[in-house]
Each structure stands twice: as C-alpha cells, then as structure tokens.
Amino acid sequence: MKIGIIGSGHMGKALGRLLAEAGHDVVLTNSRGALTLVDAVREIGYHTRAATVPQTVAEADVVLLAVPYRAIDQVAREGGSWDGKIVVDLTNYYAERDGETLDPHGGSTSAVVARKLPDARIVKAFNTIWYRRLESESRPSGRERLAVFYAGDEPSANDTVARLIRDCGFAPVYTGSLDEGGRRQQPGSVIYNIPLTRTEAVDLLQAAG
C-alpha cells in the first residue's frame, strides 16, 4: 500500500520506518514543505519520499495523522479532497498544549476529527503507544507482541488498519466504535501508554467494562 504520513516528528518517523521496512511505499509530509524533509526521508530510508500535504492525501491509500490535535483544522484545509480515504488518527488532546477551547469535555476526540473530515473513514490507532516502544518493541510474527489499540466504525477500514498494525510488528486490539472505543484510548485511560501483550490488553479492557 501507499501510506501517507502527515507529520515528521518522532511518531511519524518511527511509523514511517516500520511501514517502509514492511514493504509499503511511504509518502512523508508536514506543514513546512517537502524541502524540510530531506533528512527525515534519508533517515527512514527505502520506499520513502517527501511530498506536499495535498499530494500526500491524493496519492495515499491510507493517511496517518501524526500531528498535534490542535493542527487538525489546518490539516483538513490543506489536504484537499479526503473522499473515501482511510485516515488513521494518532492525535491526543492535551490541555496544556492544545488549549481549553479544544477541550472535548470527555467526548471522543476522534469523533471530532471525523466531523472535520466527513468524507474520510477514520480509525483511531497508534495514539496510546510511546514512539520509543514503536522503535524498539516491534516483534516478528510468532512471538507474543505488544498490543496497539484501534477504534473505528467501518469494518473494512478497521481491517486495513489492523493489518498495518501487524505489519509494524504489534498485535491489533479493537476497543470499539470511534466514539466509545476512541474515548477508551484517550490520555488518562487504563490502557494509555501501558505496555501490554494482546492477552493482557483484552483482559484489562474486559475488566474495565
């Protein structure tokens, strides 16, 4: 698949490297332009190139939003047409960074993202795991892998994102709809930034109800 990654910070580069190593074509972009991504593309290596935000959205089969939550409005505008795109929402709301006006007040931030990208198919994933675990804890098939949680409403989009999680060397664990599951994955939840195997993750979700 062709994977577009909007955001060239720690998460964007870690996922870009894992997905490129798995054989996917990675297109990396940020708000500052393709010329600022030379080092990041070189660092990720093969199967990777840089592009503008609208080029990335237009060309990619799946787009990863590896940006701060406060940047979603800008990304939505710059991306052009999102019609039918599978969009993986990595964003998290932090009051000290994103400001009180964007406070979801206990609601699902990914449901907010879905309203801002109404033509896209949103799946929340990779938002609960620290980038250093992505870099160091990817495990080959056959070994017990750490869980990466995902939430979404459309089965085909969910299945695609679950495959990408496996390609990165982790175990996909579904948390529910974009609304309910999305809230389960947000900062402060019992599964947020906790390294868990798939078995441990499923047990913890069941216990939490």
N, C-alpha and C. Protein backbone atom coordinates (compact mmCIF):
# COMPACT_ATOMS: atom_id res chain seq x y z
N MET A 1 0.83 -1.20 0.00
CA MET A 1 0.00 0.00 0.00
C MET A 1 0.86 1.24 0.00
N LYS A 2 0.26 2.34 -0.42
CA LYS A 2 0.93 3.63 -0.34
C LYS A 2 0.40 4.33 0.91
N ILE A 3 1.31 4.63 1.82
CA ILE A 3 0.95 5.21 3.12
C ILE A 3 1.42 6.65 3.18
N GLY A 4 0.50 7.56 3.40
CA GLY A 4 0.85 8.95 3.61
C GLY A 4 0.93 9.26 5.09
N ILE A 5 1.99 9.94 5.50
CA ILE A 5 2.15 10.31 6.91
C ILE A 5 2.26 11.82 6.99
N ILE A 6 1.28 12.44 7.63
CA ILE A 6 1.31 13.88 7.83
C ILE A 6 1.89 14.13 9.22
N GLY A 7 3.09 14.67 9.25
CA GLY A 7 3.81 14.88 10.50
C GLY A 7 5.13 14.14 10.47
N SER A 8 6.20 14.86 10.72
CA SER A 8 7.54 14.27 10.62
C SER A 8 8.27 14.27 11.96
N GLY A 9 7.49 14.25 13.05
CA GLY A 9 8.09 14.16 14.38
C GLY A 9 8.44 12.73 14.73
N HIS A 10 8.60 12.46 16.02
CA HIS A 10 9.03 11.14 16.46
C HIS A 10 8.08 10.03 15.99
N MET A 11 6.77 10.24 16.15
CA MET A 11 5.81 9.20 15.77
C MET A 11 5.79 9.00 14.26
N GLY A 12 5.77 10.09 13.52
CA GLY A 12 5.74 9.97 12.06
C GLY A 12 6.93 9.22 11.52
N LYS A 13 8.11 9.52 12.04
CA LYS A 13 9.32 8.85 11.55
C LYS A 13 9.39 7.40 12.00
N ALA A 14 8.97 7.12 13.24
CA ALA A 14 9.00 5.74 13.72
C ALA A 14 8.06 4.86 12.90
N LEU A 15 6.85 5.34 12.65
CA LEU A 15 5.90 4.56 11.86
C LEU A 15 6.32 4.48 10.40
N GLY A 16 6.89 5.56 9.89
CA GLY A 16 7.38 5.53 8.50
C GLY A 16 8.43 4.46 8.31
N ARG A 17 9.33 4.34 9.26
CA ARG A 17 10.39 3.34 9.15
C ARG A 17 9.81 1.92 9.22
N LEU A 18 8.91 1.67 10.15
CA LEU A 18 8.33 0.34 10.29
C LEU A 18 7.52 -0.05 9.05
N LEU A 19 6.75 0.88 8.53
CA LEU A 19 5.91 0.58 7.37
C LEU A 19 6.75 0.42 6.10
N ALA A 20 7.80 1.23 5.98
CA ALA A 20 8.68 1.07 4.82
C ALA A 20 9.41 -0.26 4.88
N GLU A 21 9.85 -0.66 6.06
CA GLU A 21 10.53 -1.95 6.21
C GLU A 21 9.59 -3.11 5.91
N ALA A 22 8.28 -2.88 6.11
CA ALA A 22 7.30 -3.93 5.82
C ALA A 22 6.94 -3.98 4.33
N GLY A 23 7.52 -3.06 3.53
CA GLY A 23 7.32 -3.10 2.09
C GLY A 23 6.32 -2.09 1.56
N HIS A 24 5.77 -1.25 2.42
CA HIS A 24 4.84 -0.23 1.96
C HIS A 24 5.60 0.98 1.40
N ASP A 25 4.98 1.68 0.47
CA ASP A 25 5.53 2.93 -0.04
C ASP A 25 5.07 4.06 0.87
N VAL A 26 6.01 4.80 1.42
CA VAL A 26 5.70 5.84 2.40
C VAL A 26 5.92 7.21 1.78
N VAL A 27 4.90 8.05 1.91
CA VAL A 27 5.00 9.45 1.49
C VAL A 27 4.90 10.30 2.74
N LEU A 28 5.94 11.06 3.01
CA LEU A 28 6.03 11.85 4.24
C LEU A 28 5.79 13.32 3.92
N THR A 29 5.05 13.99 4.78
CA THR A 29 4.79 15.41 4.58
C THR A 29 4.66 16.12 5.91
N ASN A 30 4.77 17.45 5.86
CA ASN A 30 4.50 18.28 7.03
C ASN A 30 4.06 19.65 6.55
N SER A 31 3.76 20.53 7.49
CA SER A 31 3.24 21.85 7.13
C SER A 31 4.32 22.77 6.60
N ARG A 32 5.59 22.41 6.75
CA ARG A 32 6.68 23.30 6.35
C ARG A 32 7.18 23.05 4.93
N GLY A 33 6.73 21.97 4.31
CA GLY A 33 7.11 21.72 2.92
C GLY A 33 8.11 20.60 2.75
N ALA A 34 8.12 20.04 1.54
CA ALA A 34 8.92 18.85 1.24
C ALA A 34 10.42 19.07 1.42
N LEU A 35 10.88 20.30 1.18
CA LEU A 35 12.32 20.56 1.28
C LEU A 35 12.84 20.42 2.70
N THR A 36 11.95 20.51 3.69
CA THR A 36 12.39 20.37 5.08
C THR A 36 12.47 18.90 5.51
N LEU A 37 12.13 17.98 4.61
CA LEU A 37 12.04 16.57 4.96
C LEU A 37 13.20 15.73 4.42
N VAL A 38 14.19 16.37 3.87
CA VAL A 38 15.31 15.64 3.27
C VAL A 38 15.95 14.71 4.29
N ASP A 39 16.24 15.22 5.47
CA ASP A 39 16.90 14.41 6.49
C ASP A 39 15.99 13.28 6.97
N ALA A 40 14.71 13.58 7.14
CA ALA A 40 13.78 12.56 7.62
C ALA A 40 13.63 11.43 6.61
N VAL A 41 13.54 11.77 5.34
CA VAL A 41 13.44 10.75 4.29
C VAL A 41 14.69 9.90 4.26
N ARG A 42 15.85 10.53 4.38
CA ARG A 42 17.12 9.80 4.39
C ARG A 42 17.18 8.88 5.62
N GLU A 43 16.68 9.36 6.75
CA GLU A 43 16.71 8.57 7.98
C GLU A 43 15.83 7.33 7.88
N ILE A 44 14.63 7.49 7.30
CA ILE A 44 13.72 6.36 7.15
C ILE A 44 14.26 5.37 6.12
N GLY A 45 14.75 5.89 4.99
CA GLY A 45 15.39 5.03 4.01
C GLY A 45 14.46 4.63 2.88
N TYR A 46 14.62 3.40 2.41
CA TYR A 46 13.96 2.93 1.20
C TYR A 46 12.44 3.02 1.28
N HIS A 47 11.82 3.04 0.11
CA HIS A 47 10.37 3.11 -0.03
C HIS A 47 9.79 4.41 0.51
N THR A 48 10.59 5.47 0.63
CA THR A 48 10.12 6.70 1.25
C THR A 48 10.47 7.91 0.40
N ARG A 49 9.53 8.84 0.30
CA ARG A 49 9.81 10.12 -0.35
C ARG A 49 8.97 11.20 0.31
N ALA A 50 9.26 12.44 -0.03
CA ALA A 50 8.53 13.57 0.54
C ALA A 50 7.59 14.17 -0.50
N ALA A 51 6.52 14.82 -0.02
CA ALA A 51 5.57 15.47 -0.91
C ALA A 51 4.86 16.56 -0.12
N THR A 52 4.01 17.33 -0.79
CA THR A 52 3.18 18.31 -0.11
C THR A 52 2.00 17.60 0.55
N VAL A 53 1.30 18.32 1.42
CA VAL A 53 0.14 17.72 2.09
C VAL A 53 -0.93 17.29 1.09
N PRO A 54 -1.35 18.17 0.15
CA PRO A 54 -2.38 17.72 -0.79
C PRO A 54 -1.93 16.58 -1.70
N GLN A 55 -0.67 16.56 -2.10
CA GLN A 55 -0.15 15.45 -2.90
C GLN A 55 -0.21 14.14 -2.10
N THR A 56 0.17 14.23 -0.84
CA THR A 56 0.18 13.04 0.01
C THR A 56 -1.22 12.46 0.16
N VAL A 57 -2.19 13.33 0.44
CA VAL A 57 -3.57 12.86 0.61
C VAL A 57 -4.09 12.28 -0.70
N ALA A 58 -3.80 12.93 -1.81
CA ALA A 58 -4.32 12.47 -3.10
C ALA A 58 -3.76 11.11 -3.49
N GLU A 59 -2.49 10.85 -3.18
CA GLU A 59 -1.82 9.65 -3.66
C GLU A 59 -1.95 8.45 -2.71
N ALA A 60 -2.16 8.70 -1.44
CA ALA A 60 -2.09 7.62 -0.44
C ALA A 60 -3.37 6.79 -0.40
N ASP A 61 -3.19 5.51 -0.09
CA ASP A 61 -4.33 4.65 0.21
C ASP A 61 -4.79 4.85 1.65
N VAL A 62 -3.82 5.09 2.53
CA VAL A 62 -4.09 5.33 3.95
C VAL A 62 -3.27 6.53 4.38
N VAL A 63 -3.89 7.44 5.14
CA VAL A 63 -3.20 8.63 5.62
C VAL A 63 -3.14 8.59 7.14
N LEU A 64 -1.93 8.73 7.70
CA LEU A 64 -1.74 8.77 9.15
C LEU A 64 -1.59 10.22 9.60
N LEU A 65 -2.38 10.61 10.59
CA LEU A 65 -2.30 11.96 11.14
C LEU A 65 -1.41 11.94 12.37
N ALA A 66 -0.13 12.19 12.16
CA ALA A 66 0.85 12.19 13.26
C ALA A 66 1.18 13.63 13.61
N VAL A 67 0.15 14.38 13.96
CA VAL A 67 0.28 15.81 14.25
C VAL A 67 -0.38 16.11 15.59
N PRO A 68 -0.09 17.28 16.19
CA PRO A 68 -0.81 17.66 17.40
C PRO A 68 -2.30 17.83 17.12
N TYR A 69 -3.12 17.59 18.13
CA TYR A 69 -4.57 17.70 17.97
C TYR A 69 -4.98 19.09 17.49
N ARG A 70 -4.29 20.11 17.96
CA ARG A 70 -4.65 21.48 17.59
C ARG A 70 -4.45 21.77 16.11
N ALA A 71 -3.71 20.91 15.39
CA ALA A 71 -3.41 21.15 13.98
C ALA A 71 -4.44 20.55 13.04
N ILE A 72 -5.47 19.88 13.55
CA ILE A 72 -6.39 19.17 12.68
C ILE A 72 -7.12 20.09 11.72
N ASP A 73 -7.55 21.25 12.16
CA ASP A 73 -8.25 22.18 11.26
C ASP A 73 -7.37 22.57 10.08
N GLN A 74 -6.11 22.87 10.36
CA GLN A 74 -5.18 23.24 9.29
C GLN A 74 -4.96 22.09 8.33
N VAL A 75 -4.75 20.89 8.87
CA VAL A 75 -4.54 19.71 8.02
C VAL A 75 -5.76 19.43 7.16
N ALA A 76 -6.95 19.57 7.74
CA ALA A 76 -8.18 19.33 6.99
C ALA A 76 -8.28 20.28 5.80
N ARG A 77 -7.91 21.52 6.01
CA ARG A 77 -7.96 22.51 4.91
C ARG A 77 -6.91 22.21 3.85
N GLU A 78 -5.69 21.94 4.29
CA GLU A 78 -4.58 21.77 3.35
C GLU A 78 -4.69 20.48 2.54
N GLY A 79 -5.37 19.47 3.09
CA GLY A 79 -5.37 18.16 2.45
C GLY A 79 -6.17 18.08 1.17
N GLY A 80 -7.07 19.03 0.95
CA GLY A 80 -7.90 18.97 -0.26
C GLY A 80 -9.02 17.96 -0.09
N SER A 81 -9.18 17.07 -1.05
CA SER A 81 -10.25 16.07 -1.00
C SER A 81 -9.83 14.86 -0.19
N TRP A 82 -10.64 14.53 0.82
CA TRP A 82 -10.40 13.36 1.66
C TRP A 82 -11.39 12.25 1.34
N ASP A 83 -12.09 12.38 0.25
CA ASP A 83 -13.20 11.49 -0.09
C ASP A 83 -12.76 10.03 -0.13
N GLY A 84 -13.32 9.22 0.77
CA GLY A 84 -13.06 7.79 0.79
C GLY A 84 -11.74 7.36 1.39
N LYS A 85 -10.91 8.30 1.80
CA LYS A 85 -9.59 7.94 2.34
C LYS A 85 -9.73 7.27 3.72
N ILE A 86 -8.92 6.26 3.95
CA ILE A 86 -8.78 5.73 5.30
C ILE A 86 -7.79 6.62 6.02
N VAL A 87 -8.22 7.21 7.13
CA VAL A 87 -7.38 8.14 7.89
C VAL A 87 -7.18 7.58 9.29
N VAL A 88 -5.93 7.38 9.66
CA VAL A 88 -5.58 6.88 10.99
C VAL A 88 -5.27 8.08 11.88
N ASP A 89 -6.09 8.24 12.90
CA ASP A 89 -5.96 9.38 13.80
C ASP A 89 -5.07 9.02 14.99
N LEU A 90 -3.90 9.63 15.04
CA LEU A 90 -2.96 9.41 16.14
C LEU A 90 -3.07 10.51 17.19
N THR A 91 -3.94 11.49 16.99
CA THR A 91 -3.92 12.68 17.82
C THR A 91 -4.44 12.42 19.22
N ASN A 92 -3.94 13.20 20.17
CA ASN A 92 -4.41 13.20 21.56
C ASN A 92 -4.59 14.64 22.01
N TYR A 93 -5.61 14.88 22.79
CA TYR A 93 -5.82 16.21 23.35
C TYR A 93 -5.08 16.36 24.66
N TYR A 94 -4.24 17.40 24.74
CA TYR A 94 -3.57 17.77 25.98
C TYR A 94 -3.88 19.25 26.23
N ALA A 95 -4.52 19.55 27.34
CA ALA A 95 -4.96 20.92 27.60
C ALA A 95 -3.81 21.91 27.60
N GLU A 96 -2.66 21.50 28.19
CA GLU A 96 -1.53 22.44 28.29
C GLU A 96 -0.93 22.76 26.93
N ARG A 97 -1.12 21.91 25.96
CA ARG A 97 -0.58 22.15 24.61
C ARG A 97 -1.64 22.69 23.65
N ASP A 98 -2.84 22.13 23.72
CA ASP A 98 -3.86 22.42 22.71
C ASP A 98 -4.84 23.51 23.11
N GLY A 99 -4.87 23.87 24.38
CA GLY A 99 -5.73 24.96 24.83
C GLY A 99 -7.12 24.49 25.25
N GLU A 100 -7.74 25.26 26.14
CA GLU A 100 -9.03 24.87 26.69
C GLU A 100 -10.16 24.93 25.67
N THR A 101 -10.03 25.76 24.64
CA THR A 101 -11.12 25.88 23.67
C THR A 101 -11.33 24.59 22.88
N LEU A 102 -10.31 23.73 22.79
CA LEU A 102 -10.43 22.47 22.05
C LEU A 102 -10.77 21.30 22.96
N ASP A 103 -11.02 21.57 24.24
CA ASP A 103 -11.34 20.51 25.20
C ASP A 103 -12.58 19.73 24.74
N PRO A 104 -12.48 18.42 24.55
CA PRO A 104 -13.64 17.63 24.12
C PRO A 104 -14.60 17.32 25.27
N HIS A 105 -14.24 17.71 26.51
CA HIS A 105 -15.10 17.53 27.68
C HIS A 105 -15.57 16.09 27.83
N GLY A 106 -14.62 15.18 27.75
CA GLY A 106 -14.92 13.77 27.95
C GLY A 106 -15.39 13.04 26.72
N GLY A 107 -15.62 13.75 25.64
CA GLY A 107 -16.03 13.11 24.40
C GLY A 107 -14.84 12.56 23.64
N SER A 108 -15.11 11.86 22.57
CA SER A 108 -14.06 11.26 21.74
C SER A 108 -13.46 12.31 20.81
N THR A 109 -12.16 12.54 20.94
CA THR A 109 -11.50 13.49 20.03
C THR A 109 -11.52 12.97 18.60
N SER A 110 -11.50 11.67 18.43
CA SER A 110 -11.53 11.12 17.07
C SER A 110 -12.89 11.33 16.42
N ALA A 111 -13.96 11.36 17.21
CA ALA A 111 -15.27 11.71 16.66
C ALA A 111 -15.26 13.16 16.17
N VAL A 112 -14.54 14.02 16.87
CA VAL A 112 -14.38 15.41 16.42
C VAL A 112 -13.61 15.45 15.10
N VAL A 113 -12.52 14.68 15.02
CA VAL A 113 -11.74 14.60 13.79
C VAL A 113 -12.62 14.11 12.63
N ALA A 114 -13.45 13.13 12.90
CA ALA A 114 -14.34 12.59 11.86
C ALA A 114 -15.30 13.65 11.35
N ARG A 115 -15.76 14.53 12.21
CA ARG A 115 -16.65 15.61 11.77
C ARG A 115 -15.92 16.64 10.92
N LYS A 116 -14.63 16.80 11.19
CA LYS A 116 -13.84 17.76 10.40
C LYS A 116 -13.42 17.17 9.05
N LEU A 117 -13.43 15.82 8.95
CA LEU A 117 -13.10 15.13 7.70
C LEU A 117 -14.27 14.22 7.34
N PRO A 118 -15.44 14.80 7.01
CA PRO A 118 -16.66 14.00 6.89
C PRO A 118 -16.65 12.99 5.76
N ASP A 119 -15.78 13.15 4.77
CA ASP A 119 -15.75 12.22 3.65
C ASP A 119 -14.72 11.10 3.84
N ALA A 120 -13.97 11.16 4.93
CA ALA A 120 -12.93 10.16 5.19
C ALA A 120 -13.47 9.06 6.09
N ARG A 121 -12.72 7.94 6.13
CA ARG A 121 -13.05 6.82 7.01
C ARG A 121 -12.00 6.81 8.13
N ILE A 122 -12.41 7.22 9.31
CA ILE A 122 -11.47 7.46 10.41
C ILE A 122 -11.32 6.23 11.29
N VAL A 123 -10.08 5.89 11.60
CA VAL A 123 -9.77 4.85 12.58
C VAL A 123 -8.76 5.44 13.55
N LYS A 124 -9.04 5.34 14.84
CA LYS A 124 -8.09 5.83 15.84
C LYS A 124 -7.13 4.71 16.19
N ALA A 125 -5.84 4.96 16.05
CA ALA A 125 -4.83 3.92 16.33
C ALA A 125 -3.47 4.57 16.56
N PHE A 126 -2.59 3.83 17.19
CA PHE A 126 -1.21 4.24 17.46
C PHE A 126 -1.11 5.46 18.39
N ASN A 127 -2.22 5.86 18.99
CA ASN A 127 -2.16 7.04 19.86
C ASN A 127 -1.84 6.69 21.31
N THR A 128 -1.87 5.39 21.65
CA THR A 128 -1.65 5.01 23.05
C THR A 128 -0.24 4.50 23.31
N ILE A 129 0.58 4.44 22.29
CA ILE A 129 1.90 3.82 22.43
C ILE A 129 3.01 4.87 22.25
N TRP A 130 4.00 4.81 23.10
CA TRP A 130 5.15 5.73 23.05
C TRP A 130 5.99 5.40 21.82
N TYR A 131 6.50 6.45 21.18
CA TYR A 131 7.27 6.24 19.95
C TYR A 131 8.50 5.37 20.18
N ARG A 132 9.09 5.44 21.37
CA ARG A 132 10.28 4.62 21.62
C ARG A 132 9.92 3.13 21.66
N ARG A 133 8.70 2.81 22.08
CA ARG A 133 8.28 1.40 22.02
C ARG A 133 8.08 0.97 20.57
N LEU A 134 7.58 1.87 19.74
CA LEU A 134 7.49 1.54 18.31
C LEU A 134 8.87 1.23 17.76
N GLU A 135 9.85 2.02 18.16
CA GLU A 135 11.20 1.85 17.65
C GLU A 135 11.88 0.58 18.15
N SER A 136 11.57 0.17 19.38
CA SER A 136 12.36 -0.91 19.99
C SER A 136 11.59 -2.20 20.27
N GLU A 137 10.24 -2.16 20.23
CA GLU A 137 9.46 -3.33 20.65
C GLU A 137 8.73 -4.03 19.51
N SER A 138 9.01 -3.68 18.27
CA SER A 138 8.43 -4.41 17.14
C SER A 138 8.94 -5.85 17.16
N ARG A 139 8.03 -6.82 17.04
CA ARG A 139 8.42 -8.22 17.18
C ARG A 139 7.97 -9.03 15.97
N PRO A 140 8.79 -9.99 15.54
CA PRO A 140 8.44 -10.84 14.40
C PRO A 140 7.19 -11.66 14.67
N SER A 141 6.55 -12.08 13.62
CA SER A 141 5.40 -12.98 13.75
C SER A 141 5.83 -14.26 14.46
N GLY A 142 4.98 -14.75 15.35
CA GLY A 142 5.30 -15.95 16.10
C GLY A 142 5.72 -15.66 17.53
N ARG A 143 6.16 -14.42 17.79
CA ARG A 143 6.47 -14.02 19.16
C ARG A 143 5.30 -13.23 19.72
N GLU A 144 5.11 -13.27 21.04
CA GLU A 144 4.00 -12.51 21.62
C GLU A 144 4.29 -11.02 21.50
N ARG A 145 3.39 -10.34 20.84
CA ARG A 145 3.60 -8.93 20.52
C ARG A 145 2.89 -8.01 21.50
N LEU A 146 3.38 -6.79 21.60
CA LEU A 146 2.68 -5.78 22.38
C LEU A 146 1.44 -5.33 21.61
N ALA A 147 0.42 -4.94 22.37
CA ALA A 147 -0.85 -4.50 21.77
C ALA A 147 -0.75 -3.08 21.26
N VAL A 148 -1.40 -2.83 20.13
CA VAL A 148 -1.71 -1.49 19.65
C VAL A 148 -3.22 -1.43 19.48
N PHE A 149 -3.85 -0.51 20.16
CA PHE A 149 -5.30 -0.42 20.16
C PHE A 149 -5.81 0.37 18.95
N TYR A 150 -7.01 0.00 18.52
CA TYR A 150 -7.63 0.76 17.43
C TYR A 150 -9.14 0.78 17.61
N ALA A 151 -9.76 1.87 17.13
CA ALA A 151 -11.21 2.05 17.24
C ALA A 151 -11.73 2.62 15.94
N GLY A 152 -12.89 2.17 15.52
CA GLY A 152 -13.46 2.68 14.28
C GLY A 152 -14.83 2.10 14.01
N ASP A 153 -15.52 2.70 13.08
CA ASP A 153 -16.90 2.33 12.79
C ASP A 153 -17.08 1.48 11.53
N GLU A 154 -16.08 1.51 10.64
CA GLU A 154 -16.25 0.81 9.37
C GLU A 154 -15.36 -0.43 9.32
N PRO A 155 -15.94 -1.62 9.17
CA PRO A 155 -15.17 -2.85 9.22
C PRO A 155 -14.01 -2.92 8.24
N SER A 156 -14.20 -2.49 7.00
CA SER A 156 -13.12 -2.61 6.02
C SER A 156 -11.95 -1.70 6.37
N ALA A 157 -12.24 -0.49 6.84
CA ALA A 157 -11.18 0.41 7.28
C ALA A 157 -10.48 -0.14 8.51
N ASN A 158 -11.26 -0.68 9.45
CA ASN A 158 -10.68 -1.29 10.65
C ASN A 158 -9.73 -2.43 10.27
N ASP A 159 -10.17 -3.27 9.33
CA ASP A 159 -9.34 -4.41 8.92
C ASP A 159 -8.03 -3.95 8.30
N THR A 160 -8.09 -2.89 7.50
CA THR A 160 -6.88 -2.37 6.87
C THR A 160 -5.90 -1.87 7.92
N VAL A 161 -6.40 -1.14 8.91
CA VAL A 161 -5.53 -0.60 9.96
C VAL A 161 -4.99 -1.73 10.83
N ALA A 162 -5.80 -2.75 11.10
CA ALA A 162 -5.30 -3.91 11.86
C ALA A 162 -4.15 -4.57 11.13
N ARG A 163 -4.26 -4.65 9.82
CA ARG A 163 -3.16 -5.23 9.02
C ARG A 163 -1.90 -4.39 9.16
N LEU A 164 -2.04 -3.08 9.11
CA LEU A 164 -0.86 -2.22 9.24
C LEU A 164 -0.23 -2.36 10.62
N ILE A 165 -1.05 -2.52 11.64
CA ILE A 165 -0.51 -2.74 12.99
C ILE A 165 0.33 -4.02 13.02
N ARG A 166 -0.20 -5.07 12.41
CA ARG A 166 0.57 -6.33 12.34
C ARG A 166 1.85 -6.14 11.53
N ASP A 167 1.76 -5.42 10.42
CA ASP A 167 2.94 -5.18 9.59
C ASP A 167 4.03 -4.45 10.37
N CYS A 168 3.63 -3.64 11.34
CA CYS A 168 4.60 -2.91 12.16
C CYS A 168 5.19 -3.77 13.27
N GLY A 169 4.66 -5.00 13.44
CA GLY A 169 5.20 -5.89 14.45
C GLY A 169 4.49 -5.85 15.79
N PHE A 170 3.21 -5.45 15.78
CA PHE A 170 2.43 -5.36 17.00
C PHE A 170 1.10 -6.10 16.83
N ALA A 171 0.38 -6.28 17.93
CA ALA A 171 -0.88 -7.03 17.91
C ALA A 171 -2.06 -6.06 17.97
N PRO A 172 -2.93 -6.05 16.96
CA PRO A 172 -4.08 -5.15 16.98
C PRO A 172 -5.13 -5.60 17.98
N VAL A 173 -5.65 -4.66 18.77
CA VAL A 173 -6.71 -4.95 19.73
C VAL A 173 -7.80 -3.90 19.55
N TYR A 174 -8.99 -4.35 19.19
CA TYR A 174 -10.11 -3.45 18.89
C TYR A 174 -10.78 -3.01 20.19
N THR A 175 -11.03 -1.70 20.31
CA THR A 175 -11.64 -1.17 21.53
C THR A 175 -13.09 -0.78 21.35
N GLY A 176 -13.59 -0.75 20.10
CA GLY A 176 -14.99 -0.40 19.89
C GLY A 176 -15.16 0.69 18.85
N SER A 177 -16.30 1.32 18.86
CA SER A 177 -16.63 2.36 17.90
C SER A 177 -15.72 3.57 18.06
N LEU A 178 -15.76 4.45 17.08
CA LEU A 178 -14.93 5.66 17.14
C LEU A 178 -15.30 6.51 18.35
N ASP A 179 -16.56 6.47 18.73
CA ASP A 179 -16.98 7.24 19.90
C ASP A 179 -16.57 6.53 21.19
N GLU A 180 -17.10 5.33 21.41
CA GLU A 180 -16.83 4.63 22.66
C GLU A 180 -15.38 4.16 22.76
N GLY A 181 -14.90 3.47 21.71
CA GLY A 181 -13.53 2.99 21.72
C GLY A 181 -12.53 4.12 21.72
N GLY A 182 -12.86 5.18 20.97
CA GLY A 182 -11.97 6.34 20.94
C GLY A 182 -11.74 6.92 22.31
N ARG A 183 -12.83 7.00 23.11
CA ARG A 183 -12.68 7.51 24.48
C ARG A 183 -11.85 6.57 25.35
N ARG A 184 -11.96 5.27 25.10
CA ARG A 184 -11.17 4.31 25.88
C ARG A 184 -9.67 4.46 25.65
N GLN A 185 -9.30 5.02 24.50
CA GLN A 185 -7.89 5.13 24.14
C GLN A 185 -7.25 6.48 24.49
N GLN A 186 -8.02 7.37 25.06
CA GLN A 186 -7.51 8.72 25.28
C GLN A 186 -6.61 8.81 26.51
N PRO A 187 -5.79 9.85 26.60
CA PRO A 187 -4.92 10.04 27.76
C PRO A 187 -5.71 9.96 29.07
N GLY A 188 -5.13 9.25 30.04
CA GLY A 188 -5.77 9.07 31.33
C GLY A 188 -6.53 7.77 31.47
N SER A 189 -6.74 7.07 30.35
CA SER A 189 -7.45 5.80 30.41
C SER A 189 -6.52 4.70 30.94
N VAL A 190 -7.11 3.55 31.28
CA VAL A 190 -6.33 2.47 31.89
C VAL A 190 -5.38 1.81 30.90
N ILE A 191 -5.58 2.04 29.61
CA ILE A 191 -4.71 1.40 28.62
C ILE A 191 -3.73 2.37 27.99
N TYR A 192 -3.80 3.64 28.39
CA TYR A 192 -2.98 4.65 27.71
C TYR A 192 -1.51 4.56 28.13
N ASN A 193 -0.64 4.37 27.14
CA ASN A 193 0.81 4.33 27.34
C ASN A 193 1.24 3.26 28.34
N ILE A 194 0.53 2.13 28.34
CA ILE A 194 0.88 1.00 29.18
C ILE A 194 1.29 -0.16 28.27
N PRO A 195 2.51 -0.69 28.39
CA PRO A 195 2.90 -1.81 27.53
C PRO A 195 2.19 -3.09 27.95
N LEU A 196 1.39 -3.64 27.04
CA LEU A 196 0.58 -4.82 27.33
C LEU A 196 0.67 -5.80 26.16
N THR A 197 0.71 -7.08 26.48
CA THR A 197 0.54 -8.07 25.41
C THR A 197 -0.92 -8.08 25.00
N ARG A 198 -1.22 -8.77 23.90
CA ARG A 198 -2.60 -8.82 23.45
C ARG A 198 -3.50 -9.44 24.52
N THR A 199 -3.06 -10.53 25.14
CA THR A 199 -3.86 -11.18 26.18
C THR A 199 -4.10 -10.25 27.36
N GLU A 200 -3.05 -9.57 27.80
CA GLU A 200 -3.20 -8.62 28.91
C GLU A 200 -4.13 -7.48 28.53
N ALA A 201 -4.02 -7.01 27.30
CA ALA A 201 -4.85 -5.88 26.85
C ALA A 201 -6.33 -6.26 26.83
N VAL A 202 -6.64 -7.43 26.27
CA VAL A 202 -8.03 -7.89 26.21
C VAL A 202 -8.60 -8.06 27.62
N ASP A 203 -7.82 -8.66 28.51
CA ASP A 203 -8.28 -8.87 29.89
C ASP A 203 -8.54 -7.53 30.59
N LEU A 204 -7.66 -6.55 30.36
CA LEU A 204 -7.82 -5.24 31.01
C LEU A 204 -9.04 -4.52 30.48
N LEU A 205 -9.28 -4.59 29.18
CA LEU A 205 -10.47 -3.96 28.60
C LEU A 205 -11.75 -4.59 29.15
N GLN A 206 -11.75 -5.91 29.27
CA GLN A 206 -12.94 -6.59 29.81
C GLN A 206 -13.18 -6.22 31.26
N ALA A 207 -12.10 -6.11 32.03
CA ALA A 207 -12.24 -5.75 33.44
C ALA A 207 -12.73 -4.31 33.60
N ALA A 208 -12.28 -3.44 32.70
CA ALA A 208 -12.67 -2.04 32.78
C ALA A 208 -14.11 -1.81 32.35
N GLY A 209 -14.66 -2.74 31.55
CA GLY A 209 -16.04 -2.65 31.10
C GLY A 209 -16.25 -1.65 29.99
